[in-house]
Amino acid sequence: MAIHLPRIISSKKVPKGYFAVYVGENHKRFVIPVSFLNQPSFQDLLGMSQEEFGYSHPTG
């Protein structure tokens, strides 16, 4: 299953209805629609990520 996201300009602001996630040592930024939080496949991915990597956010 592929998910197509609209291109979002790389600014520090997050558009309404989205949230930003920073991943990895280089803090790669992903802007994700809030509606994804209700998707079972996205919830599964979050759960798998938590199991493998845990929740670590030393910078807040």
PDB file of N, CA and C in Angstrom:
ATOM      1  N   MET A   1       0.842  -1.173   0.000  1.00  0.00           N
ATOM      2  CA  MET A   1       0.000   0.000   0.000  1.00  0.00           C
ATOM      3  C   MET A   1       0.887   1.236   0.000  1.00  0.00           C
ATOM      4  N   ALA A   2       0.652   2.130  -0.919  1.00  0.00           N
ATOM      5  CA  ALA A   2       1.405   3.376  -0.998  1.00  0.00           C
ATOM      6  C   ALA A   2       0.545   4.513  -0.473  1.00  0.00           C
ATOM      7  N   ILE A   3       1.202   5.449   0.178  1.00  0.00           N
ATOM      8  CA  ILE A   3       0.510   6.623   0.700  1.00  0.00           C
ATOM      9  C   ILE A   3       1.120   7.842   0.043  1.00  0.00           C
ATOM     10  N   HIS A   4       0.290   8.644  -0.596  1.00  0.00           N
ATOM     11  CA  HIS A   4       0.769   9.845  -1.267  1.00  0.00           C
ATOM     12  C   HIS A   4       0.494  11.055  -0.390  1.00  0.00           C
ATOM     13  N   LEU A   5       1.537  11.808  -0.084  1.00  0.00           N
ATOM     14  CA  LEU A   5       1.399  13.017   0.721  1.00  0.00           C
ATOM     15  C   LEU A   5       1.655  14.234  -0.143  1.00  0.00           C
ATOM     16  N   PRO A   6       0.918  15.311   0.088  1.00  0.00           N
ATOM     17  CA  PRO A   6       1.218  16.539  -0.649  1.00  0.00           C
ATOM     18  C   PRO A   6       2.595  17.050  -0.251  1.00  0.00           C
ATOM     19  N   ARG A   7       3.289  17.663  -1.203  1.00  0.00           N
ATOM     20  CA  ARG A   7       4.613  18.207  -0.908  1.00  0.00           C
ATOM     21  C   ARG A   7       4.451  19.384   0.050  1.00  0.00           C
ATOM     22  N   ILE A   8       5.205  19.344   1.132  1.00  0.00           N
ATOM     23  CA  ILE A   8       5.155  20.405   2.138  1.00  0.00           C
ATOM     24  C   ILE A   8       6.513  21.076   2.176  1.00  0.00           C
ATOM     25  N   ILE A   9       6.504  22.392   2.096  1.00  0.00           N
ATOM     26  CA  ILE A   9       7.747  23.162   2.105  1.00  0.00           C
ATOM     27  C   ILE A   9       8.471  22.923   3.420  1.00  0.00           C
ATOM     28  N   SER A  10       9.796  22.794   3.350  1.00  0.00           N
ATOM     29  CA  SER A  10      10.583  22.510   4.546  1.00  0.00           C
ATOM     30  C   SER A  10      10.758  23.774   5.382  1.00  0.00           C
ATOM     31  N   SER A  11       9.703  24.159   6.058  1.00  0.00           N
ATOM     32  CA  SER A  11       9.783  25.279   6.983  1.00  0.00           C
ATOM     33  C   SER A  11       9.637  24.724   8.385  1.00  0.00           C
ATOM     34  N   LYS A  12       9.875  25.549   9.362  1.00  0.00           N
ATOM     35  CA  LYS A  12       9.743  25.104  10.745  1.00  0.00           C
ATOM     36  C   LYS A  12       8.285  25.031  11.172  1.00  0.00           C
ATOM     37  N   LYS A  13       7.393  25.691  10.442  1.00  0.00           N
ATOM     38  CA  LYS A  13       5.983  25.661  10.791  1.00  0.00           C
ATOM     39  C   LYS A  13       5.358  24.367  10.285  1.00  0.00           C
ATOM     40  N   VAL A  14       4.425  23.875  11.062  1.00  0.00           N
ATOM     41  CA  VAL A  14       3.697  22.673  10.680  1.00  0.00           C
ATOM     42  C   VAL A  14       2.281  23.103  10.311  1.00  0.00           C
ATOM     43  N   PRO A  15       1.822  22.761   9.114  1.00  0.00           N
ATOM     44  CA  PRO A  15       0.470  23.151   8.703  1.00  0.00           C
ATOM     45  C   PRO A  15      -0.595  22.566   9.634  1.00  0.00           C
ATOM     46  N   LYS A  16      -1.711  23.247   9.739  1.00  0.00           N
ATOM     47  CA  LYS A  16      -2.822  22.760  10.545  1.00  0.00           C
ATOM     48  C   LYS A  16      -3.253  21.388  10.025  1.00  0.00           C
ATOM     49  N   GLY A  17      -3.470  20.470  10.956  1.00  0.00           N
ATOM     50  CA  GLY A  17      -3.882  19.124  10.585  1.00  0.00           C
ATOM     51  C   GLY A  17      -2.719  18.171  10.362  1.00  0.00           C
ATOM     52  N   TYR A  18      -1.502  18.615  10.663  1.00  0.00           N
ATOM     53  CA  TYR A  18      -0.296  17.803  10.501  1.00  0.00           C
ATOM     54  C   TYR A  18       0.514  17.852  11.791  1.00  0.00           C
ATOM     55  N   PHE A  19       1.447  16.911  11.944  1.00  0.00           N
ATOM     56  CA  PHE A  19       2.413  16.988  13.034  1.00  0.00           C
ATOM     57  C   PHE A  19       3.774  16.590  12.487  1.00  0.00           C
ATOM     58  N   ALA A  20       4.813  17.124  13.111  1.00  0.00           N
ATOM     59  CA  ALA A  20       6.179  16.861  12.651  1.00  0.00           C
ATOM     60  C   ALA A  20       6.810  15.778  13.510  1.00  0.00           C
ATOM     61  N   VAL A  21       7.569  14.913  12.863  1.00  0.00           N
ATOM     62  CA  VAL A  21       8.324  13.866  13.536  1.00  0.00           C
ATOM     63  C   VAL A  21       9.759  13.985  13.064  1.00  0.00           C
ATOM     64  N   TYR A  22      10.692  13.977  14.010  1.00  0.00           N
ATOM     65  CA  TYR A  22      12.112  14.038  13.685  1.00  0.00           C
ATOM     66  C   TYR A  22      12.713  12.673  13.981  1.00  0.00           C
ATOM     67  N   VAL A  23      13.423  12.116  12.995  1.00  0.00           N
ATOM     68  CA  VAL A  23      13.893  10.739  13.080  1.00  0.00           C
ATOM     69  C   VAL A  23      15.395  10.669  12.874  1.00  0.00           C
ATOM     70  N   GLY A  24      16.048   9.842  13.692  1.00  0.00           N
ATOM     71  CA  GLY A  24      17.460   9.549  13.507  1.00  0.00           C
ATOM     72  C   GLY A  24      18.394  10.603  14.066  1.00  0.00           C
ATOM     73  N   GLU A  25      19.677  10.292  13.976  1.00  0.00           N
ATOM     74  CA  GLU A  25      20.706  11.187  14.503  1.00  0.00           C
ATOM     75  C   GLU A  25      20.751  12.512  13.763  1.00  0.00           C
ATOM     76  N   ASN A  26      20.396  12.497  12.484  1.00  0.00           N
ATOM     77  CA  ASN A  26      20.404  13.732  11.695  1.00  0.00           C
ATOM     78  C   ASN A  26      19.083  14.487  11.789  1.00  0.00           C
ATOM     79  N   HIS A  27      18.164  13.972  12.588  1.00  0.00           N
ATOM     80  CA  HIS A  27      16.856  14.607  12.811  1.00  0.00           C
ATOM     81  C   HIS A  27      16.133  14.892  11.501  1.00  0.00           C
ATOM     82  N   LYS A  28      16.034  13.880  10.654  1.00  0.00           N
ATOM     83  CA  LYS A  28      15.267  14.029   9.418  1.00  0.00           C
ATOM     84  C   LYS A  28      13.814  14.293   9.785  1.00  0.00           C
ATOM     85  N   ARG A  29      13.229  15.283   9.145  1.00  0.00           N
ATOM     86  CA  ARG A  29      11.888  15.749   9.496  1.00  0.00           C
ATOM     87  C   ARG A  29      10.840  15.178   8.544  1.00  0.00           C
ATOM     88  N   PHE A  30       9.775  14.637   9.134  1.00  0.00           N
ATOM     89  CA  PHE A  30       8.632  14.162   8.379  1.00  0.00           C
ATOM     90  C   PHE A  30       7.404  14.899   8.888  1.00  0.00           C
ATOM     91  N   VAL A  31       6.579  15.397   7.981  1.00  0.00           N
ATOM     92  CA  VAL A  31       5.332  16.063   8.349  1.00  0.00           C
ATOM     93  C   VAL A  31       4.202  15.119   7.960  1.00  0.00           C
ATOM     94  N   ILE A  32       3.426  14.714   8.957  1.00  0.00           N
ATOM     95  CA  ILE A  32       2.453  13.644   8.793  1.00  0.00           C
ATOM     96  C   ILE A  32       1.049  14.159   9.092  1.00  0.00           C
ATOM     97  N   PRO A  33       0.073  13.801   8.269  1.00  0.00           N
ATOM     98  CA  PRO A  33      -1.310  14.205   8.549  1.00  0.00           C
ATOM     99  C   PRO A  33      -1.813  13.586   9.856  1.00  0.00           C
ATOM    100  N   VAL A  34      -2.481  14.367  10.668  1.00  0.00           N
ATOM    101  CA  VAL A  34      -3.046  13.877  11.922  1.00  0.00           C
ATOM    102  C   VAL A  34      -4.015  12.723  11.660  1.00  0.00           C
ATOM    103  N   SER A  35      -4.676  12.745  10.527  1.00  0.00           N
ATOM    104  CA  SER A  35      -5.640  11.686  10.199  1.00  0.00           C
ATOM    105  C   SER A  35      -4.991  10.304  10.156  1.00  0.00           C
ATOM    106  N   PHE A  36      -3.680  10.241   9.940  1.00  0.00           N
ATOM    107  CA  PHE A  36      -2.985   8.952   9.925  1.00  0.00           C
ATOM    108  C   PHE A  36      -3.054   8.262  11.282  1.00  0.00           C
ATOM    109  N   LEU A  37      -3.223   9.034  12.364  1.00  0.00           N
ATOM    110  CA  LEU A  37      -3.254   8.440  13.698  1.00  0.00           C
ATOM    111  C   LEU A  37      -4.432   7.489  13.875  1.00  0.00           C
ATOM    112  N   ASN A  38      -5.457   7.625  13.053  1.00  0.00           N
ATOM    113  CA  ASN A  38      -6.618   6.733  13.111  1.00  0.00           C
ATOM    114  C   ASN A  38      -6.489   5.525  12.194  1.00  0.00           C
ATOM    115  N   GLN A  39      -5.435   5.460  11.389  1.00  0.00           N
ATOM    116  CA  GLN A  39      -5.260   4.371  10.435  1.00  0.00           C
ATOM    117  C   GLN A  39      -4.603   3.167  11.114  1.00  0.00           C
ATOM    118  N   PRO A  40      -5.232   1.997  11.074  1.00  0.00           N
ATOM    119  CA  PRO A  40      -4.650   0.814  11.709  1.00  0.00           C
ATOM    120  C   PRO A  40      -3.241   0.497  11.212  1.00  0.00           C
ATOM    121  N   SER A  41      -2.976   0.672   9.929  1.00  0.00           N
ATOM    122  CA  SER A  41      -1.635   0.360   9.410  1.00  0.00           C
ATOM    123  C   SER A  41      -0.593   1.318   9.988  1.00  0.00           C
ATOM    124  N   PHE A  42      -0.949   2.587  10.164  1.00  0.00           N
ATOM    125  CA  PHE A  42      -0.019   3.554  10.752  1.00  0.00           C
ATOM    126  C   PHE A  42       0.192   3.240  12.236  1.00  0.00           C
ATOM    127  N   GLN A  43      -0.868   2.862  12.933  1.00  0.00           N
ATOM    128  CA  GLN A  43      -0.748   2.473  14.336  1.00  0.00           C
ATOM    129  C   GLN A  43       0.159   1.255  14.481  1.00  0.00           C
ATOM    130  N   ASP A  44       0.041   0.309  13.551  1.00  0.00           N
ATOM    131  CA  ASP A  44       0.915  -0.866  13.566  1.00  0.00           C
ATOM    132  C   ASP A  44       2.371  -0.462  13.389  1.00  0.00           C
ATOM    133  N   LEU A  45       2.629   0.453  12.457  1.00  0.00           N
ATOM    134  CA  LEU A  45       4.001   0.919  12.239  1.00  0.00           C
ATOM    135  C   LEU A  45       4.557   1.616  13.476  1.00  0.00           C
ATOM    136  N   LEU A  46       3.742   2.426  14.134  1.00  0.00           N
ATOM    137  CA  LEU A  46       4.186   3.086  15.365  1.00  0.00           C
ATOM    138  C   LEU A  46       4.511   2.059  16.447  1.00  0.00           C
ATOM    139  N   GLY A  47       3.675   1.042  16.559  1.00  0.00           N
ATOM    140  CA  GLY A  47       3.918  -0.006  17.542  1.00  0.00           C
ATOM    141  C   GLY A  47       5.195  -0.776  17.256  1.00  0.00           C
ATOM    142  N   MET A  48       5.428  -1.101  15.989  1.00  0.00           N
ATOM    143  CA  MET A  48       6.650  -1.809  15.600  1.00  0.00           C
ATOM    144  C   MET A  48       7.877  -0.956  15.879  1.00  0.00           C
ATOM    145  N   SER A  49       7.768   0.333  15.609  1.00  0.00           N
ATOM    146  CA  SER A  49       8.877   1.248  15.861  1.00  0.00           C
ATOM    147  C   SER A  49       9.178   1.338  17.353  1.00  0.00           C
ATOM    148  N   GLN A  50       8.137   1.413  18.162  1.00  0.00           N
ATOM    149  CA  GLN A  50       8.324   1.495  19.608  1.00  0.00           C
ATOM    150  C   GLN A  50       8.986   0.229  20.138  1.00  0.00           C
ATOM    151  N   GLU A  51       8.568  -0.935  19.640  1.00  0.00           N
ATOM    152  CA  GLU A  51       9.159  -2.194  20.081  1.00  0.00           C
ATOM    153  C   GLU A  51      10.632  -2.274  19.716  1.00  0.00           C
ATOM    154  N   GLU A  52      10.978  -1.818  18.513  1.00  0.00           N
ATOM    155  CA  GLU A  52      12.359  -1.940  18.053  1.00  0.00           C
ATOM    156  C   GLU A  52      13.273  -0.861  18.620  1.00  0.00           C
ATOM    157  N   PHE A  53      12.782   0.379  18.688  1.00  0.00           N
ATOM    158  CA  PHE A  53      13.650   1.495  19.049  1.00  0.00           C
ATOM    159  C   PHE A  53      13.308   2.142  20.382  1.00  0.00           C
ATOM    160  N   GLY A  54      12.136   1.899  20.918  1.00  0.00           N
ATOM    161  CA  GLY A  54      11.709   2.556  22.147  1.00  0.00           C
ATOM    162  C   GLY A  54      11.368   4.007  21.879  1.00  0.00           C
ATOM    163  N   TYR A  55      11.061   4.716  22.934  1.00  0.00           N
ATOM    164  CA  TYR A  55      10.771   6.144  22.819  1.00  0.00           C
ATOM    165  C   TYR A  55      11.919   6.890  23.460  1.00  0.00           C
ATOM    166  N   SER A  56      12.671   7.581  22.655  1.00  0.00           N
ATOM    167  CA  SER A  56      13.806   8.344  23.160  1.00  0.00           C
ATOM    168  C   SER A  56      13.735   9.740  22.578  1.00  0.00           C
ATOM    169  N   HIS A  57      13.609  10.721  23.430  1.00  0.00           N
ATOM    170  CA  HIS A  57      13.537  12.100  22.961  1.00  0.00           C
ATOM    171  C   HIS A  57      14.289  13.003  23.936  1.00  0.00           C
ATOM    172  N   PRO A  58      15.629  12.872  23.986  1.00  0.00           N
ATOM    173  CA  PRO A  58      16.411  13.641  24.957  1.00  0.00           C
ATOM    174  C   PRO A  58      16.360  15.149  24.740  1.00  0.00           C
ATOM    175  N   THR A  59      15.998  15.604  23.546  1.00  0.00           N
ATOM    176  CA  THR A  59      15.958  17.048  23.299  1.00  0.00           C
ATOM    177  C   THR A  59      14.546  17.594  23.412  1.00  0.00           C
ATOM    178  N   GLY A  60      13.623  16.819  23.892  1.00  0.00           N
ATOM    179  CA  GLY A  60      12.257  17.304  24.100  1.00  0.00           C
ATOM    180  C   GLY A  60      11.370  16.723  23.134  1.00  0.00           C
TER     181      GLY A  60
END
